Amino acid sequence: MNYRLENNNPADFERLVNSICQKISGTGVVEFSPGKDGGRDGKFTGTAQNFPSTKDSWSGKFIIRAKLFNVIRRSHIN
């Protein structure tokens, strides 16, 4: 599967990260409403279902932060 992350806008990227975290950790992932910076961070509280493994899962409270920045590389400037 070829997923072009550079085609995402920041909100879509942050939703993607929260969705991946929910898939790995389970239903304890909560996505926040957009904050001052427009970001949609999240948190996980509970015992992760699949991280780092199904036999030895982490538990507690974890903050999820993801940011996508649009960076122009000098090699792409004519």
PDB file of N, CA and C in Angstrom:
ATOM      1  N   MET A   1       0.845  -1.180   0.000  1.00  0.00           N
ATOM      2  CA  MET A   1       0.000   0.000   0.000  1.00  0.00           C
ATOM      3  C   MET A   1       0.886   1.238   0.000  1.00  0.00           C
ATOM      4  N   ASN A   2       0.608   2.166  -0.874  1.00  0.00           N
ATOM      5  CA  ASN A   2       1.373   3.397  -0.980  1.00  0.00           C
ATOM      6  C   ASN A   2       0.486   4.551  -0.530  1.00  0.00           C
ATOM      7  N   TYR A   3       0.733   5.051   0.666  1.00  0.00           N
ATOM      8  CA  TYR A   3      -0.084   6.133   1.216  1.00  0.00           C
ATOM      9  C   TYR A   3       0.736   7.412   1.215  1.00  0.00           C
ATOM     10  N   ARG A   4       0.314   8.398   0.484  1.00  0.00           N
ATOM     11  CA  ARG A   4       1.059   9.650   0.308  1.00  0.00           C
ATOM     12  C   ARG A   4       0.723  10.626   1.438  1.00  0.00           C
ATOM     13  N   LEU A   5       1.510  10.611   2.512  1.00  0.00           N
ATOM     14  CA  LEU A   5       1.263  11.477   3.665  1.00  0.00           C
ATOM     15  C   LEU A   5       1.340  12.951   3.308  1.00  0.00           C
ATOM     16  N   GLU A   6       2.157  13.293   2.316  1.00  0.00           N
ATOM     17  CA  GLU A   6       2.290  14.702   1.959  1.00  0.00           C
ATOM     18  C   GLU A   6       1.015  15.275   1.341  1.00  0.00           C
ATOM     19  N   ASN A   7       0.075  14.418   0.953  1.00  0.00           N
ATOM     20  CA  ASN A   7      -1.193  14.887   0.403  1.00  0.00           C
ATOM     21  C   ASN A   7      -2.216  15.201   1.485  1.00  0.00           C
ATOM     22  N   ASN A   8      -1.923  14.858   2.738  1.00  0.00           N
ATOM     23  CA  ASN A   8      -2.827  15.158   3.850  1.00  0.00           C
ATOM     24  C   ASN A   8      -2.706  16.610   4.265  1.00  0.00           C
ATOM     25  N   ASN A   9      -3.795  17.148   4.772  1.00  0.00           N
ATOM     26  CA  ASN A   9      -3.702  18.419   5.472  1.00  0.00           C
ATOM     27  C   ASN A   9      -3.453  18.086   6.948  1.00  0.00           C
ATOM     28  N   PRO A  10      -3.061  19.056   7.762  1.00  0.00           N
ATOM     29  CA  PRO A  10      -2.734  18.747   9.154  1.00  0.00           C
ATOM     30  C   PRO A  10      -3.867  18.061   9.934  1.00  0.00           C
ATOM     31  N   ALA A  11      -5.109  18.462   9.736  1.00  0.00           N
ATOM     32  CA  ALA A  11      -6.230  17.853  10.476  1.00  0.00           C
ATOM     33  C   ALA A  11      -6.413  16.381  10.086  1.00  0.00           C
ATOM     34  N   ASP A  12      -6.332  16.085   8.797  1.00  0.00           N
ATOM     35  CA  ASP A  12      -6.461  14.694   8.350  1.00  0.00           C
ATOM     36  C   ASP A  12      -5.322  13.832   8.885  1.00  0.00           C
ATOM     37  N   PHE A  13      -4.104  14.380   8.906  1.00  0.00           N
ATOM     38  CA  PHE A  13      -2.958  13.640   9.430  1.00  0.00           C
ATOM     39  C   PHE A  13      -3.152  13.320  10.911  1.00  0.00           C
ATOM     40  N   GLU A  14      -3.620  14.295  11.679  1.00  0.00           N
ATOM     41  CA  GLU A  14      -3.820  14.071  13.115  1.00  0.00           C
ATOM     42  C   GLU A  14      -4.927  13.054  13.371  1.00  0.00           C
ATOM     43  N   ARG A  15      -5.970  13.063  12.555  1.00  0.00           N
ATOM     44  CA  ARG A  15      -7.013  12.033  12.673  1.00  0.00           C
ATOM     45  C   ARG A  15      -6.446  10.656  12.348  1.00  0.00           C
ATOM     46  N   LEU A  16      -5.580  10.588  11.339  1.00  0.00           N
ATOM     47  CA  LEU A  16      -4.937   9.332  10.969  1.00  0.00           C
ATOM     48  C   LEU A  16      -4.105   8.792  12.136  1.00  0.00           C
ATOM     49  N   VAL A  17      -3.325   9.648  12.772  1.00  0.00           N
ATOM     50  CA  VAL A  17      -2.500   9.224  13.906  1.00  0.00           C
ATOM     51  C   VAL A  17      -3.382   8.717  15.047  1.00  0.00           C
ATOM     52  N   ASN A  18      -4.450   9.426  15.361  1.00  0.00           N
ATOM     53  CA  ASN A  18      -5.362   8.970  16.416  1.00  0.00           C
ATOM     54  C   ASN A  18      -6.006   7.634  16.053  1.00  0.00           C
ATOM     55  N   SER A  19      -6.346   7.444  14.786  1.00  0.00           N
ATOM     56  CA  SER A  19      -6.934   6.174  14.349  1.00  0.00           C
ATOM     57  C   SER A  19      -5.942   5.023  14.475  1.00  0.00           C
ATOM     58  N   ILE A  20      -4.687   5.278  14.110  1.00  0.00           N
ATOM     59  CA  ILE A  20      -3.644   4.250  14.256  1.00  0.00           C
ATOM     60  C   ILE A  20      -3.460   3.913  15.732  1.00  0.00           C
ATOM     61  N   CYS A  21      -3.420   4.931  16.578  1.00  0.00           N
ATOM     62  CA  CYS A  21      -3.281   4.692  18.025  1.00  0.00           C
ATOM     63  C   CYS A  21      -4.451   3.886  18.567  1.00  0.00           C
ATOM     64  N   GLN A  22      -5.658   4.163  18.082  1.00  0.00           N
ATOM     65  CA  GLN A  22      -6.822   3.402  18.532  1.00  0.00           C
ATOM     66  C   GLN A  22      -6.729   1.950  18.076  1.00  0.00           C
ATOM     67  N   LYS A  23      -6.239   1.720  16.873  1.00  0.00           N
ATOM     68  CA  LYS A  23      -6.089   0.351  16.367  1.00  0.00           C
ATOM     69  C   LYS A  23      -5.080  -0.428  17.213  1.00  0.00           C
ATOM     70  N   ILE A  24      -3.991   0.230  17.601  1.00  0.00           N
ATOM     71  CA  ILE A  24      -2.943  -0.421  18.382  1.00  0.00           C
ATOM     72  C   ILE A  24      -3.347  -0.565  19.845  1.00  0.00           C
ATOM     73  N   SER A  25      -3.909   0.487  20.424  1.00  0.00           N
ATOM     74  CA  SER A  25      -4.154   0.528  21.863  1.00  0.00           C
ATOM     75  C   SER A  25      -5.543   0.076  22.271  1.00  0.00           C
ATOM     76  N   GLY A  26      -6.521   0.344  21.446  1.00  0.00           N
ATOM     77  CA  GLY A  26      -7.895  -0.040  21.776  1.00  0.00           C
ATOM     78  C   GLY A  26      -8.801   1.165  21.916  1.00  0.00           C
ATOM     79  N   THR A  27      -9.967   0.920  22.432  1.00  0.00           N
ATOM     80  CA  THR A  27     -11.017   1.935  22.461  1.00  0.00           C
ATOM     81  C   THR A  27     -10.799   3.025  23.500  1.00  0.00           C
ATOM     82  N   GLY A  28      -9.737   2.958  24.278  1.00  0.00           N
ATOM     83  CA  GLY A  28      -9.461   3.991  25.275  1.00  0.00           C
ATOM     84  C   GLY A  28      -8.922   5.281  24.696  1.00  0.00           C
ATOM     85  N   VAL A  29      -8.719   5.343  23.360  1.00  0.00           N
ATOM     86  CA  VAL A  29      -8.202   6.550  22.723  1.00  0.00           C
ATOM     87  C   VAL A  29      -9.337   7.550  22.545  1.00  0.00           C
ATOM     88  N   VAL A  30      -9.092   8.773  23.010  1.00  0.00           N
ATOM     89  CA  VAL A  30     -10.066   9.857  22.871  1.00  0.00           C
ATOM     90  C   VAL A  30      -9.397  10.974  22.081  1.00  0.00           C
ATOM     91  N   GLU A  31     -10.049  11.405  21.012  1.00  0.00           N
ATOM     92  CA  GLU A  31      -9.538  12.514  20.199  1.00  0.00           C
ATOM     93  C   GLU A  31     -10.108  13.812  20.738  1.00  0.00           C
ATOM     94  N   PHE A  32      -9.239  14.798  20.967  1.00  0.00           N
ATOM     95  CA  PHE A  32      -9.682  16.096  21.466  1.00  0.00           C
ATOM     96  C   PHE A  32     -10.269  16.933  20.340  1.00  0.00           C
ATOM     97  N   SER A  33     -11.067  17.910  20.703  1.00  0.00           N
ATOM     98  CA  SER A  33     -11.522  18.922  19.751  1.00  0.00           C
ATOM     99  C   SER A  33     -10.320  19.773  19.360  1.00  0.00           C
ATOM    100  N   PRO A  34     -10.402  20.471  18.232  1.00  0.00           N
ATOM    101  CA  PRO A  34      -9.263  21.301  17.825  1.00  0.00           C
ATOM    102  C   PRO A  34      -8.872  22.299  18.920  1.00  0.00           C
ATOM    103  N   GLY A  35      -7.561  22.401  19.177  1.00  0.00           N
ATOM    104  CA  GLY A  35      -7.045  23.328  20.179  1.00  0.00           C
ATOM    105  C   GLY A  35      -6.710  24.670  19.571  1.00  0.00           C
ATOM    106  N   LYS A  36      -5.961  25.486  20.321  1.00  0.00           N
ATOM    107  CA  LYS A  36      -5.585  26.827  19.853  1.00  0.00           C
ATOM    108  C   LYS A  36      -4.822  26.790  18.544  1.00  0.00           C
ATOM    109  N   ASP A  37      -4.008  25.742  18.360  1.00  0.00           N
ATOM    110  CA  ASP A  37      -3.237  25.635  17.118  1.00  0.00           C
ATOM    111  C   ASP A  37      -3.996  24.899  16.021  1.00  0.00           C
ATOM    112  N   GLY A  38      -5.240  24.533  16.290  1.00  0.00           N
ATOM    113  CA  GLY A  38      -6.043  23.815  15.315  1.00  0.00           C
ATOM    114  C   GLY A  38      -5.810  22.321  15.332  1.00  0.00           C
ATOM    115  N   GLY A  39      -4.867  21.870  16.166  1.00  0.00           N
ATOM    116  CA  GLY A  39      -4.520  20.458  16.234  1.00  0.00           C
ATOM    117  C   GLY A  39      -5.553  19.632  16.970  1.00  0.00           C
ATOM    118  N   ARG A  40      -5.675  18.373  16.595  1.00  0.00           N
ATOM    119  CA  ARG A  40      -6.606  17.439  17.210  1.00  0.00           C
ATOM    120  C   ARG A  40      -5.804  16.343  17.901  1.00  0.00           C
ATOM    121  N   ASP A  41      -5.210  16.707  19.023  1.00  0.00           N
ATOM    122  CA  ASP A  41      -4.433  15.735  19.779  1.00  0.00           C
ATOM    123  C   ASP A  41      -5.385  14.771  20.467  1.00  0.00           C
ATOM    124  N   GLY A  42      -4.826  13.839  21.207  1.00  0.00           N
ATOM    125  CA  GLY A  42      -5.672  12.866  21.881  1.00  0.00           C
ATOM    126  C   GLY A  42      -5.001  12.308  23.116  1.00  0.00           C
ATOM    127  N   LYS A  43      -5.677  11.377  23.741  1.00  0.00           N
ATOM    128  CA  LYS A  43      -5.102  10.700  24.898  1.00  0.00           C
ATOM    129  C   LYS A  43      -5.609   9.270  24.937  1.00  0.00           C
ATOM    130  N   PHE A  44      -4.866   8.460  25.637  1.00  0.00           N
ATOM    131  CA  PHE A  44      -5.267   7.077  25.872  1.00  0.00           C
ATOM    132  C   PHE A  44      -5.169   6.824  27.359  1.00  0.00           C
ATOM    133  N   THR A  45      -6.226   6.255  27.911  1.00  0.00           N
ATOM    134  CA  THR A  45      -6.228   5.856  29.313  1.00  0.00           C
ATOM    135  C   THR A  45      -6.703   4.413  29.377  1.00  0.00           C
ATOM    136  N   GLY A  46      -5.924   3.559  30.029  1.00  0.00           N
ATOM    137  CA  GLY A  46      -6.315   2.161  30.151  1.00  0.00           C
ATOM    138  C   GLY A  46      -5.151   1.234  29.915  1.00  0.00           C
ATOM    139  N   THR A  47      -5.460   0.037  29.468  1.00  0.00           N
ATOM    140  CA  THR A  47      -4.448  -0.960  29.131  1.00  0.00           C
ATOM    141  C   THR A  47      -4.481  -1.192  27.628  1.00  0.00           C
ATOM    142  N   ALA A  48      -3.339  -0.986  26.985  1.00  0.00           N
ATOM    143  CA  ALA A  48      -3.251  -1.150  25.535  1.00  0.00           C
ATOM    144  C   ALA A  48      -3.484  -2.611  25.169  1.00  0.00           C
ATOM    145  N   GLN A  49      -4.330  -2.858  24.181  1.00  0.00           N
ATOM    146  CA  GLN A  49      -4.658  -4.220  23.776  1.00  0.00           C
ATOM    147  C   GLN A  49      -3.516  -4.902  23.035  1.00  0.00           C
ATOM    148  N   ASN A  50      -2.776  -4.140  22.248  1.00  0.00           N
ATOM    149  CA  ASN A  50      -1.776  -4.743  21.359  1.00  0.00           C
ATOM    150  C   ASN A  50      -0.411  -4.079  21.428  1.00  0.00           C
ATOM    151  N   PHE A  51      -0.111  -3.356  22.496  1.00  0.00           N
ATOM    152  CA  PHE A  51       1.173  -2.656  22.537  1.00  0.00           C
ATOM    153  C   PHE A  51       1.823  -2.776  23.892  1.00  0.00           C
ATOM    154  N   PRO A  52       3.078  -3.124  24.003  1.00  0.00           N
ATOM    155  CA  PRO A  52       3.937  -3.534  22.892  1.00  0.00           C
ATOM    156  C   PRO A  52       3.629  -4.931  22.387  1.00  0.00           C
ATOM    157  N   SER A  53       2.833  -5.708  23.140  1.00  0.00           N
ATOM    158  CA  SER A  53       2.388  -7.017  22.658  1.00  0.00           C
ATOM    159  C   SER A  53       1.082  -7.354  23.374  1.00  0.00           C
ATOM    160  N   THR A  54       0.424  -8.407  22.932  1.00  0.00           N
ATOM    161  CA  THR A  54      -0.828  -8.802  23.580  1.00  0.00           C
ATOM    162  C   THR A  54      -0.583  -9.440  24.947  1.00  0.00           C
ATOM    163  N   LYS A  55       0.624  -9.951  25.178  1.00  0.00           N
ATOM    164  CA  LYS A  55       0.938 -10.598  26.456  1.00  0.00           C
ATOM    165  C   LYS A  55       1.495  -9.630  27.491  1.00  0.00           C
ATOM    166  N   ASP A  56       2.154  -8.566  27.041  1.00  0.00           N
ATOM    167  CA  ASP A  56       2.811  -7.628  27.942  1.00  0.00           C
ATOM    168  C   ASP A  56       2.383  -6.206  27.576  1.00  0.00           C
ATOM    169  N   SER A  57       1.154  -5.859  27.898  1.00  0.00           N
ATOM    170  CA  SER A  57       0.580  -4.580  27.472  1.00  0.00           C
ATOM    171  C   SER A  57       0.884  -3.457  28.451  1.00  0.00           C
ATOM    172  N   TRP A  58       1.089  -2.267  27.887  1.00  0.00           N
ATOM    173  CA  TRP A  58       1.283  -1.079  28.710  1.00  0.00           C
ATOM    174  C   TRP A  58      -0.056  -0.630  29.260  1.00  0.00           C
ATOM    175  N   SER A  59      -0.031  -0.029  30.445  1.00  0.00           N
ATOM    176  CA  SER A  59      -1.256   0.551  30.984  1.00  0.00           C
ATOM    177  C   SER A  59      -0.927   1.891  31.621  1.00  0.00           C
ATOM    178  N   GLY A  60      -1.917   2.755  31.644  1.00  0.00           N
ATOM    179  CA  GLY A  60      -1.742   4.085  32.213  1.00  0.00           C
ATOM    180  C   GLY A  60      -2.419   5.126  31.349  1.00  0.00           C
ATOM    181  N   LYS A  61      -1.923   6.354  31.442  1.00  0.00           N
ATOM    182  CA  LYS A  61      -2.463   7.482  30.684  1.00  0.00           C
ATOM    183  C   LYS A  61      -1.365   8.003  29.764  1.00  0.00           C
ATOM    184  N   PHE A  62      -1.662   8.117  28.475  1.00  0.00           N
ATOM    185  CA  PHE A  62      -0.694   8.556  27.483  1.00  0.00           C
ATOM    186  C   PHE A  62      -1.301   9.679  26.650  1.00  0.00           C
ATOM    187  N   ILE A  63      -0.514  10.695  26.382  1.00  0.00           N
ATOM    188  CA  ILE A  63      -0.947  11.816  25.541  1.00  0.00           C
ATOM    189  C   ILE A  63      -0.468  11.553  24.119  1.00  0.00           C
ATOM    190  N   ILE A  64      -1.351  11.785  23.158  1.00  0.00           N
ATOM    191  CA  ILE A  64      -1.051  11.576  21.738  1.00  0.00           C
ATOM    192  C   ILE A  64      -0.895  12.946  21.090  1.00  0.00           C
ATOM    193  N   ARG A  65       0.260  13.181  20.481  1.00  0.00           N
ATOM    194  CA  ARG A  65       0.514  14.448  19.797  1.00  0.00           C
ATOM    195  C   ARG A  65       1.053  14.147  18.412  1.00  0.00           C
ATOM    196  N   ALA A  66       0.498  14.788  17.437  1.00  0.00           N
ATOM    197  CA  ALA A  66       0.958  14.617  16.061  1.00  0.00           C
ATOM    198  C   ALA A  66       0.839  15.951  15.345  1.00  0.00           C
ATOM    199  N   LYS A  67       1.857  16.301  14.626  1.00  0.00           N
ATOM    200  CA  LYS A  67       1.845  17.552  13.867  1.00  0.00           C
ATOM    201  C   LYS A  67       2.389  17.282  12.471  1.00  0.00           C
ATOM    202  N   LEU A  68       1.759  17.858  11.494  1.00  0.00           N
ATOM    203  CA  LEU A  68       2.219  17.769  10.114  1.00  0.00           C
ATOM    204  C   LEU A  68       2.591  19.177   9.676  1.00  0.00           C
ATOM    205  N   PHE A  69       3.825  19.331   9.247  1.00  0.00           N
ATOM    206  CA  PHE A  69       4.299  20.630   8.784  1.00  0.00           C
ATOM    207  C   PHE A  69       4.576  20.556   7.299  1.00  0.00           C
ATOM    208  N   ASN A  70       4.202  21.604   6.609  1.00  0.00           N
ATOM    209  CA  ASN A  70       4.524  21.707   5.190  1.00  0.00           C
ATOM    210  C   ASN A  70       5.885  22.360   5.084  1.00  0.00           C
ATOM    211  N   VAL A  71       6.880  21.599   4.620  1.00  0.00           N
ATOM    212  CA  VAL A  71       8.247  22.102   4.513  1.00  0.00           C
ATOM    213  C   VAL A  71       8.646  22.073   3.047  1.00  0.00           C
ATOM    214  N   ILE A  72       9.156  23.182   2.588  1.00  0.00           N
ATOM    215  CA  ILE A  72       9.664  23.251   1.227  1.00  0.00           C
ATOM    216  C   ILE A  72      11.160  23.006   1.285  1.00  0.00           C
ATOM    217  N   ARG A  73      11.606  21.992   0.574  1.00  0.00           N
ATOM    218  CA  ARG A  73      13.030  21.690   0.525  1.00  0.00           C
ATOM    219  C   ARG A  73      13.698  22.533  -0.550  1.00  0.00           C
ATOM    220  N   ARG A  74      14.882  22.990  -0.252  1.00  0.00           N
ATOM    221  CA  ARG A  74      15.614  23.835  -1.209  1.00  0.00           C
ATOM    222  C   ARG A  74      15.828  23.140  -2.551  1.00  0.00           C
ATOM    223  N   SER A  75      15.938  21.828  -2.551  1.00  0.00           N
ATOM    224  CA  SER A  75      16.183  21.116  -3.800  1.00  0.00           C
ATOM    225  C   SER A  75      14.979  21.189  -4.746  1.00  0.00           C
ATOM    226  N   HIS A  76      13.809  21.560  -4.214  1.00  0.00           N
ATOM    227  CA  HIS A  76      12.617  21.664  -5.043  1.00  0.00           C
ATOM    228  C   HIS A  76      12.366  23.085  -5.547  1.00  0.00           C
ATOM    229  N   ILE A  77      13.208  24.009  -5.137  1.00  0.00           N
ATOM    230  CA  ILE A  77      13.042  25.406  -5.562  1.00  0.00           C
ATOM    231  C   ILE A  77      13.935  25.668  -6.766  1.00  0.00           C
ATOM    232  N   ASN A  78      13.351  26.230  -7.803  1.00  0.00           N
ATOM    233  CA  ASN A  78      14.136  26.530  -9.017  1.00  0.00           C
ATOM    234  C   ASN A  78      14.882  27.829  -8.863  1.00  0.00           C
TER     235      ASN A  78
END
